[in-house]
Amino acid sequence: MGSLTKAAEEVRPAVEGEDEWSDEAVVYVNGVRRVLPDGLAHLTLLQYLRGTLRNYNWNVRLKWLMANSVRESLANAHGSQCGFCTPGFVMSMYALLRSSKQPPTEDQIEDSLAGNLCRCTGYRPIIDAFRVFSKTDNSVYTNSSSESTNGQTIWPFKNLVPSARNENWKPCSCRNEMDVDANEASLSLRMKRYSPLSYNEIDGNAYDERELIFPPELQLREVTPLKLNGFNDIRWYRPLKLKQVLHLKSCYPDAKLIIGNSEVGVETKFKNAQYKVVLSVTHVPELNILEVKEDGIHIGSSVTGEAEYTDDAPIPPNTLHAALVLSKKAHARILSIDDSLAKTSPGFAGLFLSKDVPGANHIGPIIHDEEIFASDVVTCVGQIIGIIVADTHDNAKMLPTKIISGEVRVGGQEHFYMEPQGTLIWPVDSGNEIHMVSSTQAPQKHQKYVANVLGLPMSKVVCKTKRIGGGFGGKETRSAIYAAAVAVPSYCLRRPVKLILDRDIDMITSGQRHSFLGKYKNGRGSQP
């Protein structure tokens, strides 16, 4: 948690209207109102909760929350596997139902779950589980009587504690008469026990008998700009106007802008990042605008942005463009490579083969058993034999070579990321250092492979990755071979070299998820 003792005050830029900024942050934890003391801006919300509620039994509260129809529906629809994400989905759905004045639509349900991630189950079973809570029959909900329809008791969903919904809902029919008769007595008891309470009647400790609602104070409270201080002179601001954001950025050019979930906690704890000033722009209306226009998507007010990927990065002067020389057949011996025609083609700058690799020609994530450029035998269609560089991308692709090889047929599944494999490499310090921008999930492997291929220490190789257009595992170990291949001509020619694969070349060369065969037996024991 760290000490709250502030570091020695330094001279701060004057922030316009800073006297009008509030330093009172109000939060509700389990229904209990808390005013955060100034000096906690260096903590994440999770760190604060862990320190404040260190002895609080979270499992008991979670058990109560999940012991309702939201949890039951999710389980019945097989919407939970490892269960790690389940509490988040249940809480999001519960919050939507509890705060809605009328039953939500299916679109509203999907929107409420947009911030939740699930890796193993997939989203369809989860959506199916929560779809039963949506409003589907308007006539039922507009009927003046909510007690019965065609002689049948109606509820918004099976076995839901009625007080868990807003009282003006007109629920739909989803239980038969036997269910009603069997549960009518216990249902009335549950209705009494879980009657809604106003926020000031909740003490947060009797969580087994109290139903939490969103505090009305936070809904009615006037929103004001906030400023908080933290350990080591960290400052956190929540401006309300774009003018305030721009003024703060002029005062603190290195201020970190955050909105919604962010990596700040991870970056400061594990990556040694230092953010002295943080600006939360969640309450700036101008920055929450998203418009779809003919020239693209406009985000924010007078601020339009483009997501820059590897192929969008500015290229240095005299950059060469690369194309791979591939095996067209598999499991064959390389007898000869005829490059005479390529050398006389427009824009030709060089052909690089295994013999031209300055360092080691072998790479691999664990065992170095894969060649950058096949030297004697190819073992699959699309194996890289060499790399050609030319003055333009089109010229590089058109340069011909003649190769002799064999063939093989395999199965698998393409990762199919939207952005193809690509890298831009350039020499620094008269060729003694190599820098690159790559589309990869594993920059460290690019650094390691390039250093190995060029015979350089890893400290002389720098790999940067700003973002990737999808990876799904296909840009982990398999992306590094392209960087290693491009590094050879860049290093030898002392020129920047760029390689962006076409989709067909990417699918041929990058490898796939292996095909699998699963066998199972289904049986049961003898009947009792």
Protein backbone atom coordinates (compact mmCIF):
# COMPACT_ATOMS: atom_id res chain seq x y z
CA MET A 1 0.00 0.00 0.00
CA GLY A 2 2.87 2.33 0.71
CA SER A 3 3.14 5.29 3.01
CA LEU A 4 0.83 8.25 2.50
CA THR A 5 3.59 10.67 3.45
CA LYS A 6 3.93 13.14 0.59
CA ALA A 7 7.22 13.93 -0.97
CA ALA A 8 8.59 17.43 -0.71
CA GLU A 9 6.42 19.87 -2.61
CA GLU A 10 7.74 20.94 -5.98
CA VAL A 11 6.78 23.94 -8.00
CA ARG A 12 3.57 23.05 -9.84
CA PRO A 13 2.10 24.80 -12.86
CA ALA A 14 -0.95 26.87 -12.00
CA VAL A 15 -4.13 25.06 -13.06
CA GLU A 16 -6.91 27.41 -14.13
CA GLY A 17 -9.74 27.49 -11.60
CA GLU A 18 -8.05 24.90 -9.39
CA ASP A 19 -9.74 26.33 -6.31
CA GLU A 20 -13.09 25.17 -7.74
CA TRP A 21 -11.93 21.57 -8.01
CA SER A 22 -13.23 19.24 -5.30
CA ASP A 23 -11.01 16.85 -3.37
CA GLU A 24 -13.93 14.85 -1.93
CA ALA A 25 -14.35 11.49 -3.58
CA VAL A 26 -17.43 9.62 -2.35
CA VAL A 27 -17.76 5.85 -2.79
CA TYR A 28 -20.16 3.24 -1.47
CA VAL A 29 -18.72 -0.12 -0.42
CA ASN A 30 -21.34 -2.77 0.42
CA GLY A 31 -23.85 0.01 1.00
CA VAL A 32 -21.63 1.97 3.37
CA ARG A 33 -20.83 5.57 2.42
CA ARG A 34 -17.14 6.42 2.48
CA VAL A 35 -15.32 9.65 1.69
CA LEU A 36 -11.82 8.91 0.44
CA PRO A 37 -9.12 10.86 2.29
CA ASP A 38 -6.81 12.89 0.11
CA GLY A 39 -3.51 11.14 -0.52
CA LEU A 40 -4.73 7.92 -2.17
CA ALA A 41 -4.35 8.86 -5.83
CA HIS A 42 -1.46 6.40 -6.21
CA LEU A 43 -3.73 3.44 -5.44
CA THR A 44 -5.91 1.50 -7.83
CA LEU A 45 -9.48 0.75 -6.81
CA LEU A 46 -8.56 -2.87 -6.15
CA GLN A 47 -5.66 -1.86 -3.92
CA TYR A 48 -7.95 0.46 -1.96
CA LEU A 49 -10.58 -2.24 -1.48
CA ARG A 50 -7.99 -4.79 -0.40
CA GLY A 51 -6.61 -2.39 2.18
CA THR A 52 -9.98 -1.16 3.42
CA LEU A 53 -11.81 -4.47 3.45
CA ARG A 54 -8.94 -6.77 4.31
CA ASN A 55 -11.04 -8.80 6.76
CA TYR A 56 -14.28 -8.72 4.78
CA ASN A 57 -15.68 -12.06 3.70
CA TRP A 58 -16.12 -11.52 -0.04
CA ASN A 59 -17.19 -15.11 -0.66
CA VAL A 60 -20.22 -14.81 1.58
CA ARG A 61 -21.40 -11.68 -0.22
CA LEU A 62 -20.73 -13.25 -3.59
CA LYS A 63 -22.57 -16.40 -2.56
CA TRP A 64 -25.67 -14.37 -1.69
CA LEU A 65 -25.50 -12.38 -4.89
CA MET A 66 -25.08 -15.44 -7.07
CA ALA A 67 -27.74 -17.49 -5.25
CA ASN A 68 -30.50 -16.08 -7.41
CA SER A 69 -32.01 -16.66 -10.80
CA VAL A 70 -29.16 -14.92 -12.63
CA ARG A 71 -26.70 -17.51 -11.39
CA GLU A 72 -29.18 -20.34 -11.88
CA SER A 73 -29.93 -19.38 -15.47
CA LEU A 74 -26.22 -19.13 -16.28
CA ALA A 75 -25.59 -22.59 -14.86
CA ASN A 76 -28.53 -24.16 -16.68
CA ALA A 77 -27.34 -22.75 -20.00
CA HIS A 78 -23.80 -24.05 -19.43
CA GLY A 79 -22.52 -20.50 -19.47
CA SER A 80 -19.67 -21.17 -17.06
CA GLN A 81 -16.64 -23.43 -17.42
CA CYS A 82 -13.57 -22.41 -15.43
CA GLY A 83 -15.79 -19.94 -13.56
CA PHE A 84 -13.20 -17.19 -13.33
CA CYS A 85 -15.34 -14.72 -15.29
CA THR A 86 -18.70 -15.87 -13.91
CA PRO A 87 -18.95 -13.43 -10.96
CA GLY A 88 -18.37 -10.50 -13.28
CA PHE A 89 -21.11 -11.60 -15.68
CA VAL A 90 -23.53 -12.27 -12.82
CA MET A 91 -22.83 -8.91 -11.22
CA SER A 92 -23.21 -7.05 -14.51
CA MET A 93 -26.54 -8.74 -15.24
CA TYR A 94 -27.78 -8.30 -11.69
CA ALA A 95 -26.89 -4.60 -11.77
CA LEU A 96 -28.79 -4.15 -15.03
CA LEU A 97 -31.91 -5.86 -13.68
CA ARG A 98 -31.73 -4.07 -10.38
CA SER A 99 -31.34 -0.60 -11.87
CA SER A 100 -33.75 -0.90 -14.82
CA LYS A 101 -37.17 0.69 -14.51
CA GLN A 102 -38.57 -1.88 -16.91
CA PRO A 103 -37.36 -5.21 -18.24
CA PRO A 104 -34.31 -4.71 -20.49
CA THR A 105 -34.24 -5.55 -24.17
CA GLU A 106 -31.84 -8.13 -25.59
CA ASP A 107 -29.68 -5.32 -27.01
CA GLN A 108 -29.48 -3.68 -23.59
CA ILE A 109 -28.43 -6.97 -22.04
CA GLU A 110 -25.66 -7.43 -24.59
CA ASP A 111 -24.48 -3.84 -24.06
CA SER A 112 -24.32 -4.35 -20.29
CA LEU A 113 -22.01 -7.34 -20.77
CA ALA A 114 -19.73 -5.63 -23.28
CA GLY A 115 -16.97 -5.06 -20.73
CA ASN A 116 -16.82 -8.70 -19.59
CA LEU A 117 -14.37 -11.14 -21.14
CA CYS A 118 -14.62 -14.93 -21.39
CA ARG A 119 -11.99 -17.14 -23.01
CA CYS A 120 -13.19 -20.72 -22.55
CA THR A 121 -17.00 -20.75 -22.62
CA GLY A 122 -17.65 -18.38 -25.46
CA TYR A 123 -20.31 -15.71 -25.35
CA ARG A 124 -23.26 -17.48 -26.96
CA PRO A 125 -24.19 -19.66 -23.94
CA ILE A 126 -23.88 -16.62 -21.68
CA ILE A 127 -26.12 -14.50 -23.90
CA ASP A 128 -28.60 -17.39 -24.14
CA ALA A 129 -28.66 -17.64 -20.35
CA PHE A 130 -29.44 -13.97 -19.86
CA ARG A 131 -31.83 -13.60 -22.78
CA VAL A 132 -34.63 -15.05 -20.62
CA PHE A 133 -34.62 -11.83 -18.60
CA SER A 134 -35.49 -9.66 -21.59
CA LYS A 135 -38.87 -8.17 -22.35
CA THR A 136 -40.45 -10.03 -25.24
CA ASP A 137 -44.24 -9.65 -24.90
CA ASN A 138 -45.40 -6.06 -24.55
CA SER A 139 -49.01 -7.04 -23.89
CA VAL A 140 -48.02 -8.85 -20.72
CA TYR A 141 -46.05 -5.90 -19.39
CA THR A 142 -48.72 -3.31 -20.22
CA ASN A 143 -51.51 -5.35 -18.62
CA SER A 144 -52.89 -3.55 -15.58
CA SER A 145 -52.68 -6.70 -13.50
CA SER A 146 -49.32 -8.27 -12.89
CA GLU A 147 -50.65 -11.17 -10.85
CA SER A 148 -52.08 -13.43 -13.52
CA THR A 149 -52.55 -13.91 -17.24
CA ASN A 150 -55.12 -16.44 -18.45
CA GLY A 151 -55.37 -17.72 -14.90
CA GLN A 152 -51.62 -18.23 -14.62
CA THR A 153 -49.29 -16.42 -12.23
CA ILE A 154 -46.60 -14.55 -14.08
CA TRP A 155 -43.05 -13.57 -13.16
CA PRO A 156 -40.23 -12.07 -15.19
CA PHE A 157 -38.14 -15.20 -14.90
CA LYS A 158 -38.15 -18.53 -13.14
CA ASN A 159 -37.75 -18.50 -9.34
CA LEU A 160 -36.60 -14.87 -9.24
CA VAL A 161 -36.99 -13.18 -5.89
CA PRO A 162 -39.53 -10.52 -6.93
CA SER A 163 -37.86 -7.70 -4.98
CA ALA A 164 -34.72 -8.17 -7.08
CA ARG A 165 -36.56 -6.36 -9.87
CA ASN A 166 -38.05 -2.88 -9.89
CA GLU A 167 -41.58 -2.99 -8.49
CA ASN A 168 -43.22 -1.46 -11.57
CA TRP A 169 -42.17 -4.32 -13.84
CA LYS A 170 -44.96 -6.33 -15.52
CA PRO A 171 -43.32 -9.78 -15.67
CA CYS A 172 -43.85 -12.49 -18.27
CA SER A 173 -45.23 -15.98 -17.75
CA CYS A 174 -42.61 -18.68 -17.40
CA ARG A 175 -43.88 -21.06 -14.72
CA ASN A 176 -46.75 -23.53 -14.74
CA GLU A 177 -49.49 -23.73 -12.14
CA MET A 178 -47.77 -26.55 -10.26
CA ASP A 179 -44.69 -24.37 -9.82
CA VAL A 180 -46.86 -21.57 -8.46
CA ASP A 181 -48.78 -23.80 -6.06
CA ALA A 182 -45.60 -25.44 -4.81
CA ASN A 183 -43.70 -22.23 -4.22
CA GLU A 184 -46.40 -19.68 -3.41
CA ALA A 185 -45.89 -19.76 0.36
CA SER A 186 -42.09 -19.62 0.26
CA LEU A 187 -42.23 -16.99 -2.45
CA SER A 188 -44.28 -14.65 -0.32
CA LEU A 189 -41.82 -15.07 2.52
CA ARG A 190 -38.92 -14.25 0.26
CA MET A 191 -40.75 -11.18 -0.99
CA LYS A 192 -41.05 -9.93 2.56
CA ARG A 193 -37.50 -10.74 3.51
CA TYR A 194 -35.94 -9.03 0.47
CA SER A 195 -38.09 -5.94 0.26
CA PRO A 196 -36.11 -3.05 -1.27
CA LEU A 197 -34.41 -0.65 1.10
CA SER A 198 -33.26 2.91 0.61
CA TYR A 199 -29.54 3.50 0.59
CA ASN A 200 -29.33 5.10 4.06
CA GLU A 201 -30.86 2.02 5.68
CA ILE A 202 -28.09 -0.29 4.47
CA ASP A 203 -25.24 -0.85 6.85
CA GLY A 204 -23.30 -3.20 4.55
CA ASN A 205 -22.72 -5.79 7.25
CA ALA A 206 -26.05 -7.61 7.15
CA TYR A 207 -25.42 -8.59 3.56
CA ASP A 208 -27.24 -11.90 3.99
CA GLU A 209 -30.54 -10.12 4.62
CA ARG A 210 -30.16 -6.86 2.73
CA GLU A 211 -30.45 -6.10 -0.94
CA LEU A 212 -27.99 -3.54 -2.25
CA ILE A 213 -29.09 -0.92 -4.72
CA PHE A 214 -27.18 1.80 -6.51
CA PRO A 215 -26.92 4.67 -4.01
CA PRO A 216 -29.35 7.48 -4.91
CA GLU A 217 -26.82 10.01 -3.63
CA LEU A 218 -24.44 9.15 -6.42
CA GLN A 219 -27.21 9.54 -8.97
CA LEU A 220 -28.39 12.88 -7.59
CA ARG A 221 -25.01 14.30 -6.59
CA GLU A 222 -23.81 17.22 -8.70
CA VAL A 223 -20.79 16.18 -10.73
CA THR A 224 -17.79 18.39 -10.03
CA PRO A 225 -14.20 18.34 -11.25
CA LEU A 226 -12.01 16.28 -8.92
CA LYS A 227 -8.37 16.53 -7.98
CA LEU A 228 -6.62 14.03 -5.71
CA ASN A 229 -3.07 13.70 -4.48
CA GLY A 230 -1.05 10.59 -3.88
CA PHE A 231 2.23 9.22 -2.64
CA ASN A 232 5.38 10.58 -4.28
CA ASP A 233 3.51 13.69 -5.41
CA ILE A 234 1.21 11.85 -7.83
CA ARG A 235 -1.78 13.92 -8.95
CA TRP A 236 -5.09 12.65 -10.35
CA TYR A 237 -7.57 14.93 -12.10
CA ARG A 238 -11.10 14.38 -13.37
CA PRO A 239 -11.96 17.33 -15.61
CA LEU A 240 -15.47 17.92 -16.93
CA LYS A 241 -14.72 20.07 -19.97
CA LEU A 242 -12.47 19.70 -22.97
CA LYS A 243 -11.01 23.13 -22.18
CA GLN A 244 -9.89 21.81 -18.79
CA VAL A 245 -8.25 18.77 -20.42
CA LEU A 246 -6.33 20.93 -22.87
CA HIS A 247 -5.22 23.30 -20.13
CA LEU A 248 -4.00 20.42 -17.96
CA LYS A 249 -2.10 18.93 -20.90
CA SER A 250 -0.44 22.28 -21.49
CA CYS A 251 0.59 22.37 -17.84
CA TYR A 252 1.59 18.71 -17.76
CA PRO A 253 2.55 17.56 -21.29
CA ASP A 254 3.40 14.05 -20.04
CA ALA A 255 0.08 13.56 -18.25
CA LYS A 256 -1.50 10.13 -18.82
CA LEU A 257 -5.06 10.19 -20.19
CA ILE A 258 -7.25 7.31 -19.05
CA ILE A 259 -10.84 6.33 -19.73
CA GLY A 260 -12.53 3.19 -18.51
CA ASN A 261 -10.32 0.18 -17.82
CA SER A 262 -6.63 0.77 -18.45
CA GLU A 263 -3.18 -0.76 -18.11
CA VAL A 264 -1.96 1.92 -15.69
CA GLY A 265 -2.02 -0.41 -12.70
CA VAL A 266 -0.08 -3.10 -14.55
CA GLU A 267 2.35 -0.61 -16.08
CA THR A 268 3.21 1.04 -12.78
CA LYS A 269 3.51 -2.18 -10.79
CA PHE A 270 5.20 -4.50 -13.23
CA LYS A 271 6.71 -2.28 -15.93
CA ASN A 272 8.14 0.43 -13.68
CA ALA A 273 6.17 3.12 -15.49
CA GLN A 274 5.94 6.48 -13.72
CA TYR A 275 2.89 8.68 -14.25
CA LYS A 276 3.10 11.79 -12.10
CA VAL A 277 -0.16 13.23 -13.45
CA VAL A 278 -3.20 11.20 -14.51
CA LEU A 279 -6.23 12.70 -16.27
CA SER A 280 -9.47 10.74 -16.16
CA VAL A 281 -11.55 12.01 -19.08
CA THR A 282 -14.61 9.81 -18.51
CA HIS A 283 -16.81 12.84 -17.77
CA VAL A 284 -15.79 15.02 -20.73
CA PRO A 285 -18.78 14.87 -23.12
CA GLU A 286 -16.79 16.02 -26.14
CA LEU A 287 -14.40 13.05 -25.83
CA ASN A 288 -17.23 10.52 -25.69
CA ILE A 289 -18.52 11.35 -29.18
CA LEU A 290 -18.26 8.67 -31.85
CA GLU A 291 -19.48 9.46 -35.36
CA VAL A 292 -19.36 7.28 -38.47
CA LYS A 293 -18.73 9.43 -41.53
CA GLU A 294 -17.74 8.80 -45.12
CA ASP A 295 -14.07 9.50 -44.41
CA GLY A 296 -13.92 7.19 -41.41
CA ILE A 297 -14.79 7.04 -37.73
CA HIS A 298 -14.45 10.32 -35.84
CA ILE A 299 -13.80 9.97 -32.12
CA GLY A 300 -13.99 12.94 -29.78
CA SER A 301 -14.52 16.62 -30.43
CA SER A 302 -12.25 18.11 -33.09
CA VAL A 303 -9.95 15.18 -32.35
CA THR A 304 -9.85 12.42 -34.93
CA GLY A 305 -7.56 9.51 -34.51
CA GLU A 306 -6.28 6.64 -36.59
CA ALA A 307 -5.00 3.38 -35.16
CA GLU A 308 -1.47 3.00 -36.48
CA TYR A 309 -0.28 -0.50 -37.24
CA THR A 310 3.02 -1.77 -38.60
CA ASP A 311 2.19 -1.00 -42.24
CA ASP A 312 1.19 2.55 -41.27
CA ALA A 313 4.47 3.44 -39.58
CA PRO A 314 6.46 6.16 -41.39
CA ILE A 315 9.34 4.62 -43.33
CA PRO A 316 12.85 6.11 -43.42
CA PRO A 317 14.31 7.44 -46.67
CA ASN A 318 15.73 4.87 -49.12
CA THR A 319 13.68 2.05 -47.63
CA LEU A 320 13.73 -1.19 -49.60
CA HIS A 321 10.76 -3.52 -49.87
CA ALA A 322 11.05 -7.25 -49.45
CA ALA A 323 9.34 -10.31 -50.89
CA LEU A 324 9.86 -13.91 -49.85
CA VAL A 325 11.15 -16.64 -52.18
CA LEU A 326 9.06 -19.69 -51.32
CA SER A 327 9.01 -23.38 -52.04
CA LYS A 328 6.16 -24.27 -54.38
CA LYS A 329 6.47 -27.97 -53.71
CA ALA A 330 7.36 -29.89 -50.59
CA HIS A 331 9.88 -32.42 -49.33
CA ALA A 332 12.39 -31.88 -52.03
CA ARG A 333 16.07 -31.12 -52.37
CA ILE A 334 17.15 -27.70 -53.62
CA LEU A 335 19.32 -28.40 -56.65
CA SER A 336 19.83 -24.85 -57.90
CA ILE A 337 18.52 -21.29 -57.73
CA ASP A 338 18.55 -19.25 -60.94
CA ASP A 339 18.59 -15.54 -60.10
CA SER A 340 19.82 -14.22 -63.45
CA LEU A 341 16.42 -12.90 -64.51
CA ALA A 342 15.78 -11.30 -61.13
CA LYS A 343 19.05 -9.39 -61.23
CA THR A 344 18.08 -7.71 -64.51
CA SER A 345 14.57 -6.74 -63.32
CA PRO A 346 13.62 -3.12 -62.46
CA GLY A 347 14.38 -2.06 -58.91
CA PHE A 348 16.38 -5.16 -57.95
CA ALA A 349 18.58 -4.55 -54.89
CA GLY A 350 19.53 -8.02 -53.76
CA LEU A 351 18.68 -11.70 -53.23
CA PHE A 352 19.63 -13.21 -49.88
CA LEU A 353 19.89 -16.95 -49.20
CA SER A 354 21.15 -19.15 -46.38
CA LYS A 355 24.76 -18.50 -47.37
CA ASP A 356 24.26 -14.75 -46.78
CA VAL A 357 23.13 -15.01 -43.16
CA PRO A 358 25.76 -13.24 -41.00
CA GLY A 359 25.08 -15.31 -37.88
CA ALA A 360 23.16 -18.55 -37.28
CA ASN A 361 20.61 -19.72 -39.88
CA HIS A 362 18.61 -21.72 -37.32
CA ILE A 363 15.92 -20.44 -34.95
CA GLY A 364 13.23 -21.92 -32.71
CA PRO A 365 11.23 -21.04 -29.57
CA ILE A 366 12.89 -23.87 -27.59
CA ILE A 367 15.06 -26.00 -29.87
CA HIS A 368 16.70 -24.18 -32.78
CA ASP A 369 15.63 -26.65 -35.43
CA GLU A 370 14.09 -24.36 -38.06
CA GLU A 371 16.08 -22.68 -40.80
CA ILE A 372 15.52 -19.03 -41.65
CA PHE A 373 16.29 -19.86 -45.30
CA ALA A 374 16.17 -23.49 -46.43
CA SER A 375 19.71 -24.46 -47.35
CA ASP A 376 19.43 -27.95 -48.81
CA VAL A 377 15.99 -29.53 -48.35
CA VAL A 378 12.49 -28.05 -48.13
CA THR A 379 9.86 -29.89 -46.11
CA CYS A 380 6.63 -28.07 -46.92
CA VAL A 381 4.93 -25.84 -49.43
CA GLY A 382 5.61 -22.22 -48.58
CA GLN A 383 8.91 -22.78 -46.78
CA ILE A 384 11.15 -19.72 -47.07
CA ILE A 385 14.16 -20.24 -49.33
CA GLY A 386 15.31 -16.64 -49.63
CA ILE A 387 14.28 -13.01 -49.60
CA ILE A 388 14.41 -10.49 -52.45
CA VAL A 389 14.56 -6.74 -51.90
CA ALA A 390 13.71 -4.01 -54.39
CA ASP A 391 12.91 -0.30 -54.47
CA THR A 392 9.12 -0.78 -54.34
CA HIS A 393 6.70 -3.33 -52.96
CA ASP A 394 5.37 -4.22 -56.41
CA ASN A 395 8.85 -4.63 -57.92
CA ALA A 396 9.85 -6.92 -55.06
CA LYS A 397 6.85 -9.18 -55.68
CA MET A 398 7.46 -9.34 -59.44
CA LEU A 399 11.11 -10.42 -59.29
CA PRO A 400 11.24 -14.01 -60.63
CA THR A 401 13.28 -16.99 -59.49
CA LYS A 402 13.35 -20.64 -60.58
CA ILE A 403 13.37 -23.31 -57.87
CA ILE A 404 13.11 -27.11 -57.82
CA SER A 405 11.32 -28.85 -54.87
CA GLY A 406 8.65 -31.49 -53.90
CA GLU A 407 5.17 -31.61 -52.18
CA VAL A 408 3.25 -32.75 -49.09
CA ARG A 409 -0.34 -32.36 -47.89
CA VAL A 410 -1.27 -31.45 -44.29
CA GLY A 411 -4.35 -30.23 -42.43
CA GLY A 412 -4.82 -27.49 -39.87
CA GLN A 413 -6.64 -24.31 -38.97
CA GLU A 414 -5.64 -20.81 -40.01
CA HIS A 415 -5.36 -18.25 -37.18
CA PHE A 416 -6.78 -15.65 -39.57
CA TYR A 417 -5.82 -12.42 -37.86
CA MET A 418 -7.07 -9.38 -39.76
CA GLU A 419 -3.68 -7.67 -40.05
CA PRO A 420 -1.12 -9.81 -41.93
CA GLN A 421 2.40 -10.46 -40.70
CA GLY A 422 4.70 -7.49 -41.20
CA THR A 423 7.90 -5.84 -40.03
CA LEU A 424 10.00 -2.76 -40.75
CA ILE A 425 13.71 -2.98 -39.90
CA TRP A 426 16.43 -0.36 -40.16
CA PRO A 427 20.09 -0.17 -39.08
CA VAL A 428 21.31 2.34 -36.50
CA ASP A 429 24.81 3.47 -35.51
CA SER A 430 26.40 2.64 -38.88
CA GLY A 431 24.83 -0.80 -38.85
CA ASN A 432 26.01 -1.84 -35.40
CA GLU A 433 22.49 -1.73 -34.02
CA ILE A 434 19.15 -2.88 -35.45
CA HIS A 435 15.72 -1.36 -34.73
CA MET A 436 12.38 -2.71 -35.89
CA VAL A 437 8.63 -2.21 -35.70
CA SER A 438 6.80 -5.53 -35.90
CA SER A 439 3.28 -6.87 -35.70
CA THR A 440 3.89 -9.50 -33.05
CA GLN A 441 2.63 -10.90 -29.79
CA ALA A 442 6.21 -11.59 -28.71
CA PRO A 443 8.63 -8.66 -29.29
CA GLN A 444 11.26 -10.40 -27.17
CA LYS A 445 11.38 -13.31 -29.62
CA HIS A 446 11.93 -10.90 -32.48
CA GLN A 447 14.77 -9.33 -30.56
CA LYS A 448 16.28 -12.72 -29.76
CA TYR A 449 15.92 -14.22 -33.25
CA VAL A 450 17.27 -11.17 -35.07
CA ALA A 451 20.23 -10.95 -32.71
CA ASN A 452 20.95 -14.65 -33.26
CA VAL A 453 20.71 -14.42 -37.05
CA LEU A 454 22.94 -11.35 -37.28
CA GLY A 455 25.43 -12.43 -34.64
CA LEU A 456 24.70 -9.38 -32.48
CA PRO A 457 24.16 -9.13 -28.72
CA MET A 458 20.50 -8.70 -27.79
CA SER A 459 21.30 -5.26 -26.37
CA LYS A 460 21.94 -4.11 -29.94
CA VAL A 461 18.48 -5.12 -31.20
CA VAL A 462 15.33 -3.13 -30.41
CA CYS A 463 11.81 -4.28 -31.28
CA LYS A 464 8.75 -2.07 -30.86
CA THR A 465 5.12 -3.12 -31.15
CA LYS A 466 2.45 -0.45 -30.76
CA ARG A 467 -0.57 -2.59 -31.57
CA ILE A 468 -1.49 -5.59 -33.69
CA GLY A 469 -4.57 -6.24 -35.76
CA GLY A 470 -5.26 -9.61 -34.20
CA GLY A 471 -2.93 -12.44 -33.36
CA PHE A 472 -4.68 -15.36 -31.62
CA GLY A 473 -1.36 -17.10 -31.09
CA GLY A 474 -0.34 -16.85 -34.74
CA LYS A 475 1.97 -13.93 -34.00
CA GLU A 476 3.86 -15.45 -31.13
CA THR A 477 6.62 -17.80 -32.28
CA ARG A 478 5.59 -17.81 -35.95
CA SER A 479 6.01 -14.08 -36.51
CA ALA A 480 9.69 -13.97 -35.57
CA ILE A 481 10.97 -15.75 -38.68
CA TYR A 482 9.86 -12.84 -40.89
CA ALA A 483 11.78 -10.35 -38.76
CA ALA A 484 14.84 -12.60 -38.89
CA ALA A 485 14.58 -12.90 -42.68
CA VAL A 486 14.17 -9.15 -43.23
CA ALA A 487 17.03 -8.39 -40.86
CA VAL A 488 19.52 -10.08 -43.19
CA PRO A 489 19.21 -7.69 -46.19
CA SER A 490 18.77 -4.69 -43.90
CA TYR A 491 22.00 -5.51 -42.08
CA CYS A 492 23.97 -6.45 -45.17
CA LEU A 493 22.87 -3.44 -47.25
CA ARG A 494 22.73 -0.96 -44.35
CA ARG A 495 19.28 0.06 -45.60
CA PRO A 496 15.79 0.04 -44.09
CA VAL A 497 13.76 -2.93 -45.34
CA LYS A 498 10.01 -3.43 -45.00
CA LEU A 499 7.99 -6.63 -45.44
CA ILE A 500 4.18 -6.80 -45.34
CA LEU A 501 2.82 -10.18 -46.41
CA ASP A 502 -0.12 -10.56 -48.75
CA ARG A 503 -2.87 -12.73 -47.31
CA ASP A 504 -2.11 -15.76 -49.47
CA ILE A 505 1.61 -15.65 -48.67
CA ASP A 506 0.80 -15.25 -44.99
CA MET A 507 -1.44 -18.32 -44.99
CA ILE A 508 1.09 -20.39 -46.89
CA THR A 509 4.12 -19.54 -44.76
CA SER A 510 2.98 -18.78 -41.23
CA GLY A 511 1.83 -22.23 -40.24
CA GLN A 512 -1.47 -23.13 -38.63
CA ARG A 513 -3.00 -24.63 -35.58
CA HIS A 514 -2.44 -28.37 -35.83
CA SER A 515 -5.35 -30.60 -36.69
CA PHE A 516 -6.45 -32.87 -33.88
CA LEU A 517 -8.34 -36.14 -33.44
CA GLY A 518 -10.30 -36.63 -30.25
CA LYS A 519 -11.78 -39.95 -29.11
CA TYR A 520 -14.15 -40.50 -26.22
CA LYS A 521 -16.41 -43.18 -24.74
CA ASN A 522 -19.74 -42.52 -23.04
CA GLY A 523 -20.94 -45.00 -20.48
CA ARG A 524 -22.76 -45.37 -17.19
CA GLY A 525 -22.80 -47.71 -14.26
CA SER A 526 -25.42 -50.35 -13.59
CA GLN A 527 -28.86 -49.22 -12.47
CA PRO A 528 -29.49 -49.47 -8.69
